[in-house]
N, C-alpha and C. Protein backbone atom coordinates (compact mmCIF):
# COMPACT_ATOMS: atom_id res chain seq x y z
N MET A 1 104.07 40.69 158.42
CA MET A 1 103.69 40.00 159.62
C MET A 1 104.94 39.72 160.45
N ILE A 2 104.88 40.04 161.72
CA ILE A 2 106.00 39.82 162.62
C ILE A 2 105.67 38.61 163.49
N ARG A 3 106.59 37.68 163.48
CA ARG A 3 106.42 36.49 164.32
C ARG A 3 107.29 36.62 165.56
N SER A 4 106.79 36.10 166.64
CA SER A 4 107.60 36.13 167.85
C SER A 4 108.60 34.97 167.80
N LEU A 5 109.74 35.20 168.35
CA LEU A 5 110.77 34.17 168.39
C LEU A 5 110.70 33.42 169.71
N THR A 6 110.85 32.14 169.64
CA THR A 6 110.91 31.32 170.84
C THR A 6 112.37 31.16 171.20
N PRO A 7 112.74 31.61 172.40
CA PRO A 7 114.14 31.45 172.78
C PRO A 7 114.53 29.98 172.79
N SER A 8 115.69 29.67 172.29
CA SER A 8 116.19 28.31 172.32
C SER A 8 117.70 28.35 172.36
N GLY A 9 118.29 27.25 172.61
CA GLY A 9 119.74 27.17 172.73
C GLY A 9 120.09 26.84 174.16
N TYR A 10 120.97 27.61 174.77
CA TYR A 10 121.38 27.39 176.15
C TYR A 10 120.44 28.16 177.08
N VAL A 11 119.76 27.42 177.94
CA VAL A 11 118.79 28.02 178.86
C VAL A 11 119.04 27.45 180.26
N PRO A 12 118.62 28.17 181.31
CA PRO A 12 118.77 27.62 182.66
C PRO A 12 117.95 26.34 182.80
N CYS A 13 118.48 25.38 183.52
CA CYS A 13 117.76 24.13 183.76
C CYS A 13 116.45 24.44 184.49
N ALA A 14 115.39 23.76 184.11
CA ALA A 14 114.07 24.01 184.69
C ALA A 14 113.91 23.40 186.07
N CYS A 15 114.83 22.56 186.49
CA CYS A 15 114.75 21.94 187.81
C CYS A 15 114.86 23.03 188.87
N ARG A 16 114.01 22.97 189.85
CA ARG A 16 113.89 24.02 190.87
C ARG A 16 115.20 24.36 191.56
N ASP A 17 116.01 23.39 191.88
CA ASP A 17 117.21 23.63 192.68
C ASP A 17 118.51 23.49 191.89
N CYS A 18 118.43 23.33 190.60
CA CYS A 18 119.62 23.10 189.78
C CYS A 18 120.13 24.41 189.18
N PHE A 19 121.43 24.55 189.10
CA PHE A 19 122.03 25.75 188.52
C PHE A 19 122.78 25.43 187.23
N GLU A 20 122.51 24.28 186.65
CA GLU A 20 123.17 23.88 185.42
C GLU A 20 122.48 24.54 184.22
N VAL A 21 123.06 24.34 183.06
CA VAL A 21 122.53 24.87 181.81
C VAL A 21 121.96 23.72 181.00
N ALA A 22 120.79 23.95 180.45
CA ALA A 22 120.15 22.96 179.58
C ALA A 22 120.24 23.44 178.14
N ILE A 23 120.07 22.51 177.23
CA ILE A 23 120.06 22.86 175.81
C ILE A 23 118.65 22.63 175.31
N GLY A 24 118.04 23.67 174.79
CA GLY A 24 116.67 23.56 174.29
C GLY A 24 115.92 24.85 174.47
N THR A 25 114.66 24.73 174.74
CA THR A 25 113.80 25.89 174.95
C THR A 25 113.57 26.05 176.45
N PRO A 26 113.10 27.21 176.90
CA PRO A 26 112.82 27.37 178.33
C PRO A 26 111.92 26.24 178.83
N GLY A 27 112.27 25.70 180.00
CA GLY A 27 111.55 24.56 180.55
C GLY A 27 112.30 23.25 180.37
N ALA A 28 113.41 23.27 179.61
CA ALA A 28 114.19 22.06 179.38
C ALA A 28 115.02 21.74 180.62
N LEU A 29 115.30 20.45 180.82
CA LEU A 29 116.14 20.01 181.92
C LEU A 29 117.55 19.75 181.40
N CYS A 30 118.55 19.98 182.27
CA CYS A 30 119.93 19.64 181.90
C CYS A 30 120.03 18.11 181.84
N HIS A 31 121.13 17.61 181.31
CA HIS A 31 121.30 16.16 181.16
C HIS A 31 121.24 15.45 182.51
N THR A 32 121.86 16.01 183.53
CA THR A 32 121.87 15.38 184.85
C THR A 32 120.46 15.25 185.41
N CYS A 33 119.69 16.33 185.33
CA CYS A 33 118.32 16.31 185.86
C CYS A 33 117.42 15.42 185.02
N ASP A 34 117.63 15.41 183.72
CA ASP A 34 116.83 14.55 182.84
C ASP A 34 117.09 13.08 183.18
N ASP A 35 118.37 12.71 183.35
CA ASP A 35 118.72 11.33 183.71
C ASP A 35 118.19 10.94 185.08
N ALA A 36 118.17 11.91 186.02
CA ALA A 36 117.72 11.63 187.38
C ALA A 36 116.20 11.64 187.50
N GLY A 37 115.50 12.08 186.45
CA GLY A 37 114.05 12.11 186.49
C GLY A 37 113.50 13.25 187.35
N CYS A 38 114.20 14.37 187.37
CA CYS A 38 113.77 15.50 188.20
C CYS A 38 112.41 16.04 187.76
N ASN A 39 111.67 16.51 188.72
CA ASN A 39 110.42 17.20 188.50
C ASN A 39 110.69 18.66 188.84
N PRO A 40 110.46 19.61 187.92
CA PRO A 40 110.78 21.02 188.19
C PRO A 40 110.14 21.59 189.44
N GLU A 41 109.12 20.95 189.97
CA GLU A 41 108.44 21.48 191.15
C GLU A 41 108.89 20.81 192.44
N ARG A 42 109.91 19.95 192.38
CA ARG A 42 110.41 19.25 193.56
C ARG A 42 111.90 19.42 193.67
N GLU A 43 112.47 18.83 194.72
CA GLU A 43 113.91 18.90 194.91
C GLU A 43 114.65 18.22 193.77
N CYS A 44 115.83 18.75 193.47
CA CYS A 44 116.68 18.17 192.43
C CYS A 44 117.09 16.77 192.87
N GLN A 45 117.05 15.82 191.94
CA GLN A 45 117.42 14.44 192.23
C GLN A 45 118.81 14.10 191.70
N GLY A 46 119.50 15.06 191.09
CA GLY A 46 120.83 14.82 190.52
C GLY A 46 121.82 14.40 191.59
N ALA A 47 122.76 13.53 191.22
CA ALA A 47 123.72 12.98 192.17
C ALA A 47 124.60 14.06 192.81
N ASP A 48 124.87 15.14 192.10
CA ASP A 48 125.74 16.17 192.64
C ASP A 48 124.97 17.43 193.04
N ALA A 49 123.69 17.28 193.34
CA ALA A 49 122.86 18.41 193.76
C ALA A 49 123.26 18.87 195.16
N TYR A 50 122.93 20.09 195.48
CA TYR A 50 123.11 20.68 196.80
C TYR A 50 124.56 20.75 197.24
N GLY A 51 125.43 21.09 196.31
CA GLY A 51 126.82 21.34 196.64
C GLY A 51 127.69 20.11 196.72
N GLY A 52 127.09 18.94 196.62
CA GLY A 52 127.90 17.73 196.63
C GLY A 52 128.61 17.58 195.30
N GLU A 53 129.69 16.94 195.33
CA GLU A 53 130.43 16.66 194.10
C GLU A 53 130.24 15.19 193.76
N PRO A 54 130.15 14.87 192.48
CA PRO A 54 130.05 13.45 192.15
C PRO A 54 131.29 12.70 192.63
N ASP A 55 131.10 11.46 193.02
CA ASP A 55 132.23 10.66 193.48
C ASP A 55 133.23 10.50 192.35
N PRO A 56 134.52 10.66 192.67
CA PRO A 56 135.53 10.45 191.63
C PRO A 56 135.57 8.98 191.24
N PRO A 57 135.95 8.71 190.01
CA PRO A 57 136.02 7.30 189.61
C PRO A 57 137.05 6.57 190.48
N SER A 58 136.71 5.39 190.90
CA SER A 58 137.64 4.62 191.71
C SER A 58 138.28 3.56 190.84
N GLU A 59 139.25 2.92 191.40
CA GLU A 59 139.91 1.85 190.66
C GLU A 59 139.07 0.60 190.77
N ARG A 60 138.15 0.44 189.86
CA ARG A 60 137.27 -0.71 189.85
C ARG A 60 137.64 -1.60 188.68
N PRO A 61 137.46 -2.87 188.86
CA PRO A 61 137.72 -3.76 187.72
C PRO A 61 136.76 -3.41 186.58
N THR A 62 137.26 -3.42 185.37
CA THR A 62 136.42 -3.06 184.23
C THR A 62 135.85 -4.28 183.53
N GLU A 63 136.44 -5.42 183.75
CA GLU A 63 135.96 -6.65 183.11
C GLU A 63 135.61 -7.68 184.18
N PRO A 64 134.46 -8.31 184.05
CA PRO A 64 134.13 -9.34 185.04
C PRO A 64 134.99 -10.58 184.84
N ALA A 65 135.13 -11.33 185.91
CA ALA A 65 135.85 -12.59 185.81
C ALA A 65 135.05 -13.53 184.92
N PRO A 66 135.71 -14.45 184.24
CA PRO A 66 134.98 -15.38 183.38
C PRO A 66 133.90 -16.13 184.16
N GLY A 67 132.72 -16.23 183.59
CA GLY A 67 131.62 -16.94 184.22
C GLY A 67 130.85 -16.14 185.24
N SER A 68 131.18 -14.88 185.44
CA SER A 68 130.45 -14.05 186.39
C SER A 68 130.14 -12.70 185.74
N THR A 69 129.59 -11.80 186.53
CA THR A 69 129.26 -10.48 186.02
C THR A 69 130.15 -9.45 186.70
N ILE A 70 130.06 -8.23 186.24
CA ILE A 70 130.82 -7.14 186.86
C ILE A 70 130.41 -6.97 188.32
N PHE A 71 129.16 -7.31 188.65
CA PHE A 71 128.70 -7.20 190.03
C PHE A 71 129.44 -8.19 190.93
N HIS A 72 129.69 -9.39 190.44
CA HIS A 72 130.46 -10.37 191.21
C HIS A 72 131.87 -9.83 191.46
N ALA A 73 132.48 -9.26 190.44
CA ALA A 73 133.84 -8.75 190.57
C ALA A 73 133.91 -7.58 191.55
N LEU A 74 132.92 -6.68 191.49
CA LEU A 74 132.93 -5.53 192.39
C LEU A 74 132.74 -5.96 193.84
N VAL A 75 131.82 -6.87 194.09
CA VAL A 75 131.59 -7.34 195.46
C VAL A 75 132.85 -8.03 195.98
N ALA A 76 133.49 -8.84 195.15
CA ALA A 76 134.71 -9.53 195.56
C ALA A 76 135.84 -8.54 195.83
N HIS A 77 135.91 -7.47 195.03
CA HIS A 77 137.01 -6.51 195.12
C HIS A 77 136.82 -5.50 196.25
N GLN A 78 135.61 -4.94 196.38
CA GLN A 78 135.43 -3.85 197.34
C GLN A 78 134.32 -4.09 198.36
N GLY A 79 133.64 -5.22 198.28
CA GLY A 79 132.63 -5.54 199.27
C GLY A 79 131.23 -5.02 198.95
N PHE A 80 131.10 -4.30 197.85
CA PHE A 80 129.78 -3.81 197.45
C PHE A 80 129.78 -3.51 195.97
N ALA A 81 128.57 -3.43 195.42
CA ALA A 81 128.38 -3.02 194.02
C ALA A 81 127.10 -2.21 193.98
N VAL A 82 127.22 -0.92 193.72
CA VAL A 82 126.07 -0.03 193.69
C VAL A 82 125.41 -0.13 192.31
N ILE A 83 124.09 -0.33 192.32
CA ILE A 83 123.33 -0.40 191.07
C ILE A 83 122.80 0.98 190.72
N THR A 84 122.29 1.69 191.69
CA THR A 84 121.75 3.03 191.45
C THR A 84 121.94 3.88 192.69
N GLU A 85 122.26 5.14 192.49
CA GLU A 85 122.36 6.08 193.59
C GLU A 85 122.12 7.49 193.08
N GLY A 86 121.77 8.37 193.99
CA GLY A 86 121.57 9.76 193.63
C GLY A 86 120.15 10.12 193.24
N THR A 87 119.29 9.14 193.12
CA THR A 87 117.90 9.43 192.79
C THR A 87 117.00 8.38 193.42
N SER A 88 115.82 8.81 193.78
CA SER A 88 114.82 7.85 194.25
C SER A 88 113.62 7.85 193.32
N HIS A 89 113.75 8.50 192.16
CA HIS A 89 112.64 8.54 191.20
C HIS A 89 112.40 7.11 190.70
N PRO A 90 111.20 6.58 190.92
CA PRO A 90 110.94 5.17 190.60
C PRO A 90 111.26 4.78 189.16
N ARG A 91 110.97 5.63 188.19
CA ARG A 91 111.21 5.26 186.79
C ARG A 91 112.70 5.03 186.55
N THR A 92 113.53 5.92 187.04
CA THR A 92 114.98 5.79 186.85
C THR A 92 115.50 4.57 187.60
N VAL A 93 115.06 4.38 188.84
CA VAL A 93 115.51 3.25 189.64
C VAL A 93 115.10 1.93 188.98
N ILE A 94 113.85 1.83 188.53
CA ILE A 94 113.37 0.60 187.89
C ILE A 94 114.19 0.29 186.64
N ASP A 95 114.48 1.30 185.82
CA ASP A 95 115.29 1.08 184.61
C ASP A 95 116.66 0.51 184.97
N ARG A 96 117.31 1.08 185.98
CA ARG A 96 118.65 0.63 186.38
C ARG A 96 118.61 -0.78 186.98
N LEU A 97 117.60 -1.05 187.80
CA LEU A 97 117.51 -2.37 188.42
C LEU A 97 117.20 -3.44 187.37
N LEU A 98 116.37 -3.11 186.40
CA LEU A 98 116.08 -4.08 185.33
C LEU A 98 117.33 -4.40 184.52
N ALA A 99 118.15 -3.40 184.26
CA ALA A 99 119.39 -3.63 183.51
C ALA A 99 120.31 -4.58 184.29
N ALA A 100 120.41 -4.39 185.60
CA ALA A 100 121.24 -5.28 186.42
C ALA A 100 120.66 -6.69 186.44
N LEU A 101 119.35 -6.80 186.59
CA LEU A 101 118.72 -8.13 186.63
C LEU A 101 118.90 -8.86 185.30
N ARG A 102 118.85 -8.14 184.19
CA ARG A 102 119.04 -8.76 182.88
C ARG A 102 120.42 -9.41 182.79
N LEU A 103 121.44 -8.79 183.39
CA LEU A 103 122.79 -9.36 183.39
C LEU A 103 122.92 -10.55 184.35
N LEU A 104 122.34 -10.40 185.54
CA LEU A 104 122.50 -11.41 186.58
C LEU A 104 121.61 -12.63 186.42
N ALA A 105 120.37 -12.40 186.06
CA ALA A 105 119.39 -13.49 186.01
C ALA A 105 118.42 -13.27 184.85
N PRO A 106 118.85 -13.61 183.63
CA PRO A 106 118.00 -13.37 182.46
C PRO A 106 116.61 -14.01 182.57
N ALA A 107 116.52 -15.18 183.20
CA ALA A 107 115.21 -15.84 183.32
C ALA A 107 114.28 -15.03 184.23
N ALA A 108 114.80 -14.53 185.34
CA ALA A 108 113.99 -13.70 186.25
C ALA A 108 113.59 -12.39 185.56
N HIS A 109 114.51 -11.83 184.77
CA HIS A 109 114.19 -10.61 184.02
C HIS A 109 113.04 -10.89 183.05
N ALA A 110 113.12 -12.00 182.34
CA ALA A 110 112.07 -12.34 181.37
C ALA A 110 110.73 -12.56 182.08
N GLN A 111 110.77 -13.13 183.26
CA GLN A 111 109.53 -13.37 184.01
C GLN A 111 108.89 -12.05 184.43
N LEU A 112 109.68 -11.07 184.87
CA LEU A 112 109.14 -9.78 185.30
C LEU A 112 108.67 -8.91 184.14
N THR A 113 109.33 -9.04 183.00
CA THR A 113 108.99 -8.18 181.87
C THR A 113 108.06 -8.84 180.86
N GLY A 114 107.89 -10.15 180.97
CA GLY A 114 107.04 -10.87 180.02
C GLY A 114 105.56 -10.73 180.34
N PRO A 115 104.72 -11.41 179.58
CA PRO A 115 103.27 -11.35 179.80
C PRO A 115 102.91 -11.72 181.25
N GLY A 116 102.13 -10.86 181.88
CA GLY A 116 101.71 -11.08 183.25
C GLY A 116 102.74 -10.68 184.29
N GLY A 117 103.91 -10.24 183.85
CA GLY A 117 104.96 -9.83 184.79
C GLY A 117 104.65 -8.49 185.42
N ALA A 118 105.33 -8.20 186.52
CA ALA A 118 105.08 -6.97 187.28
C ALA A 118 105.27 -5.71 186.43
N ILE A 119 106.22 -5.73 185.51
CA ILE A 119 106.50 -4.54 184.70
C ILE A 119 105.31 -4.21 183.80
N THR A 120 104.56 -5.20 183.42
CA THR A 120 103.42 -4.95 182.53
C THR A 120 102.29 -4.20 183.23
N THR A 121 102.37 -4.03 184.56
CA THR A 121 101.34 -3.27 185.27
C THR A 121 101.56 -1.76 185.17
N ILE A 122 102.72 -1.35 184.67
CA ILE A 122 103.00 0.09 184.53
C ILE A 122 102.22 0.61 183.32
N PRO A 123 101.41 1.64 183.49
CA PRO A 123 100.64 2.19 182.36
C PRO A 123 101.58 2.70 181.26
N ALA A 124 101.17 2.51 180.02
CA ALA A 124 101.98 2.94 178.87
C ALA A 124 102.27 4.44 178.94
N ALA A 125 101.31 5.23 179.38
CA ALA A 125 101.52 6.68 179.47
C ALA A 125 102.62 7.01 180.47
N ALA A 126 102.71 6.24 181.56
CA ALA A 126 103.76 6.47 182.56
C ALA A 126 105.13 6.09 182.02
N LEU A 127 105.19 5.05 181.20
CA LEU A 127 106.47 4.65 180.61
C LEU A 127 107.02 5.73 179.69
N ALA A 128 106.12 6.49 179.09
CA ALA A 128 106.53 7.53 178.15
C ALA A 128 106.81 8.87 178.83
N ASP A 129 106.47 9.01 180.12
CA ASP A 129 106.56 10.31 180.77
C ASP A 129 107.06 10.17 182.20
N HIS A 130 108.29 10.66 182.47
CA HIS A 130 108.86 10.61 183.82
C HIS A 130 108.03 11.40 184.83
N LEU A 131 107.24 12.35 184.36
CA LEU A 131 106.47 13.20 185.26
C LEU A 131 105.04 12.72 185.45
N HIS A 132 104.70 11.57 184.89
CA HIS A 132 103.34 11.02 184.99
C HIS A 132 102.99 10.80 186.46
N PRO A 133 101.74 11.07 186.87
CA PRO A 133 101.34 10.90 188.28
C PRO A 133 101.54 9.48 188.83
N TYR A 134 101.59 8.48 187.97
CA TYR A 134 101.81 7.10 188.42
C TYR A 134 103.08 7.00 189.27
N TRP A 135 104.13 7.72 188.88
CA TRP A 135 105.42 7.62 189.56
C TRP A 135 105.39 8.23 190.95
N ASP A 136 104.36 9.02 191.28
CA ASP A 136 104.26 9.64 192.60
C ASP A 136 103.47 8.80 193.59
N GLY A 137 102.85 7.72 193.13
CA GLY A 137 101.98 6.94 194.00
C GLY A 137 102.62 5.67 194.53
N ASP A 138 101.84 4.96 195.31
CA ASP A 138 102.30 3.71 195.90
C ASP A 138 102.24 2.54 194.93
N ALA A 139 101.63 2.76 193.76
CA ALA A 139 101.48 1.67 192.79
C ALA A 139 102.83 1.13 192.30
N THR A 140 103.88 1.93 192.40
CA THR A 140 105.19 1.47 191.95
C THR A 140 105.72 0.32 192.81
N GLU A 141 105.18 0.16 194.03
CA GLU A 141 105.62 -0.95 194.89
C GLU A 141 105.29 -2.30 194.25
N VAL A 142 104.24 -2.35 193.43
CA VAL A 142 103.86 -3.59 192.75
C VAL A 142 104.99 -4.04 191.83
N VAL A 143 105.78 -3.10 191.36
CA VAL A 143 106.92 -3.41 190.49
C VAL A 143 108.21 -3.53 191.31
N MET A 144 108.42 -2.60 192.23
CA MET A 144 109.68 -2.56 192.97
C MET A 144 109.91 -3.78 193.85
N ILE A 145 108.89 -4.24 194.53
CA ILE A 145 109.07 -5.36 195.47
C ILE A 145 109.52 -6.64 194.76
N PRO A 146 108.82 -7.08 193.69
CA PRO A 146 109.31 -8.29 193.02
C PRO A 146 110.67 -8.09 192.35
N LEU A 147 110.94 -6.88 191.87
CA LEU A 147 112.22 -6.59 191.23
C LEU A 147 113.35 -6.67 192.25
N MET A 148 113.17 -6.08 193.42
CA MET A 148 114.20 -6.12 194.45
C MET A 148 114.37 -7.53 195.01
N THR A 149 113.28 -8.27 195.11
CA THR A 149 113.36 -9.66 195.58
C THR A 149 114.17 -10.51 194.59
N ALA A 150 113.90 -10.33 193.29
CA ALA A 150 114.64 -11.08 192.27
C ALA A 150 116.13 -10.75 192.31
N LEU A 151 116.46 -9.48 192.53
CA LEU A 151 117.87 -9.10 192.62
C LEU A 151 118.52 -9.68 193.87
N ASP A 152 117.79 -9.76 194.97
CA ASP A 152 118.35 -10.35 196.19
C ASP A 152 118.63 -11.84 195.98
N VAL A 153 117.73 -12.53 195.29
CA VAL A 153 117.93 -13.95 195.00
C VAL A 153 119.15 -14.14 194.08
N ALA A 154 119.35 -13.20 193.15
CA ALA A 154 120.45 -13.31 192.18
C ALA A 154 121.75 -12.67 192.69
N ALA A 155 121.77 -12.20 193.92
CA ALA A 155 122.94 -11.49 194.45
C ALA A 155 124.19 -12.36 194.40
N PRO A 156 125.36 -11.72 194.16
CA PRO A 156 126.61 -12.47 194.20
C PRO A 156 126.79 -13.13 195.56
N PRO A 157 127.50 -14.26 195.62
CA PRO A 157 127.71 -14.97 196.88
C PRO A 157 128.26 -14.05 197.97
N GLY A 158 127.70 -14.18 199.16
CA GLY A 158 128.18 -13.40 200.29
C GLY A 158 127.61 -11.99 200.36
N SER A 159 126.66 -11.65 199.50
CA SER A 159 126.10 -10.31 199.51
C SER A 159 124.58 -10.38 199.49
N ARG A 160 123.96 -9.26 199.78
CA ARG A 160 122.50 -9.11 199.74
C ARG A 160 122.19 -7.88 198.91
N PHE A 161 121.05 -7.89 198.24
CA PHE A 161 120.59 -6.69 197.56
C PHE A 161 119.78 -5.89 198.57
N CYS A 162 120.18 -4.66 198.83
CA CYS A 162 119.48 -3.83 199.80
C CYS A 162 119.77 -2.36 199.53
N CYS A 163 119.17 -1.50 200.35
CA CYS A 163 119.43 -0.07 200.23
C CYS A 163 120.33 0.37 201.35
N GLU A 164 121.05 1.43 201.07
CA GLU A 164 121.94 2.01 202.06
C GLU A 164 121.55 3.47 202.21
N GLY A 165 121.44 3.95 203.40
CA GLY A 165 121.09 5.35 203.62
C GLY A 165 119.62 5.60 203.41
N ASP A 166 119.32 6.63 202.62
CA ASP A 166 117.93 7.07 202.44
C ASP A 166 117.24 6.42 201.24
N ALA A 167 117.63 5.26 200.87
CA ALA A 167 117.04 4.48 199.76
C ALA A 167 117.40 5.06 198.41
N CYS A 168 118.31 6.00 198.33
CA CYS A 168 118.77 6.50 197.04
C CYS A 168 119.99 5.73 196.56
N ARG A 169 120.47 4.80 197.37
CA ARG A 169 121.64 3.99 197.01
C ARG A 169 121.28 2.53 197.18
N LEU A 170 121.06 1.87 196.06
CA LEU A 170 120.68 0.46 196.05
C LEU A 170 121.77 -0.36 195.39
N GLY A 171 122.01 -1.54 195.95
CA GLY A 171 123.01 -2.40 195.34
C GLY A 171 123.25 -3.64 196.16
N PHE A 172 124.37 -4.30 195.88
CA PHE A 172 124.76 -5.50 196.58
C PHE A 172 125.80 -5.14 197.62
N PHE A 173 125.54 -5.53 198.86
CA PHE A 173 126.44 -5.20 199.96
C PHE A 173 126.74 -6.49 200.73
N SER A 174 128.01 -6.67 201.09
CA SER A 174 128.38 -7.88 201.85
C SER A 174 128.47 -7.57 203.32
C-alpha cells in the first residue's frame, strides 16, 4: 500500500500578500502573520507588510519609575506610548489592550473580564479562532468601547488613550 505524503516543513506563508516562510503544512501562517491575526483571503496585517520595514528599536526606558508603569515612563520620556500597531484585527488588538489595562488599572481589568464584563460577551468559539466570523462584525464594539474608555481613564497624566492614523496604532499620546 502506498500512502501519499503530506508536505510539511518550510512552506510559503498562506497570507495572501506575505512573502515570508511558515513552518508547518501548506496553509500555515508565518509567525508575523499569525501574531497579526491575518486572514489568508484579506490583506496582510503584519507590521512590515507591503515593503515597510519594522521600526528599529529606539532608546526607550526599560524599567518603569517606582510607583508607575512603563507607560508612564514612555509618555514622560517621548510623549507617547504605543500599545498596539500594525494590525486592526480585533482579537489581537483586544489582547494587547487587555494586557495594558491589567498593568495600569487591575480593578478595571477585573471588571471587564469578570462575570458580566464586556469580555464575557465574546463567544468561546471566537476566542479559540482568529478567523471566526465574530471578529468581522460590529459586535466587537461591545468589547472595544468599554476597553478603550477604561484605558483613557487610566491614562498616564497629561495623555489620552486614542488612535493615531488609520486606527492601527493605539496608545497614549500627550
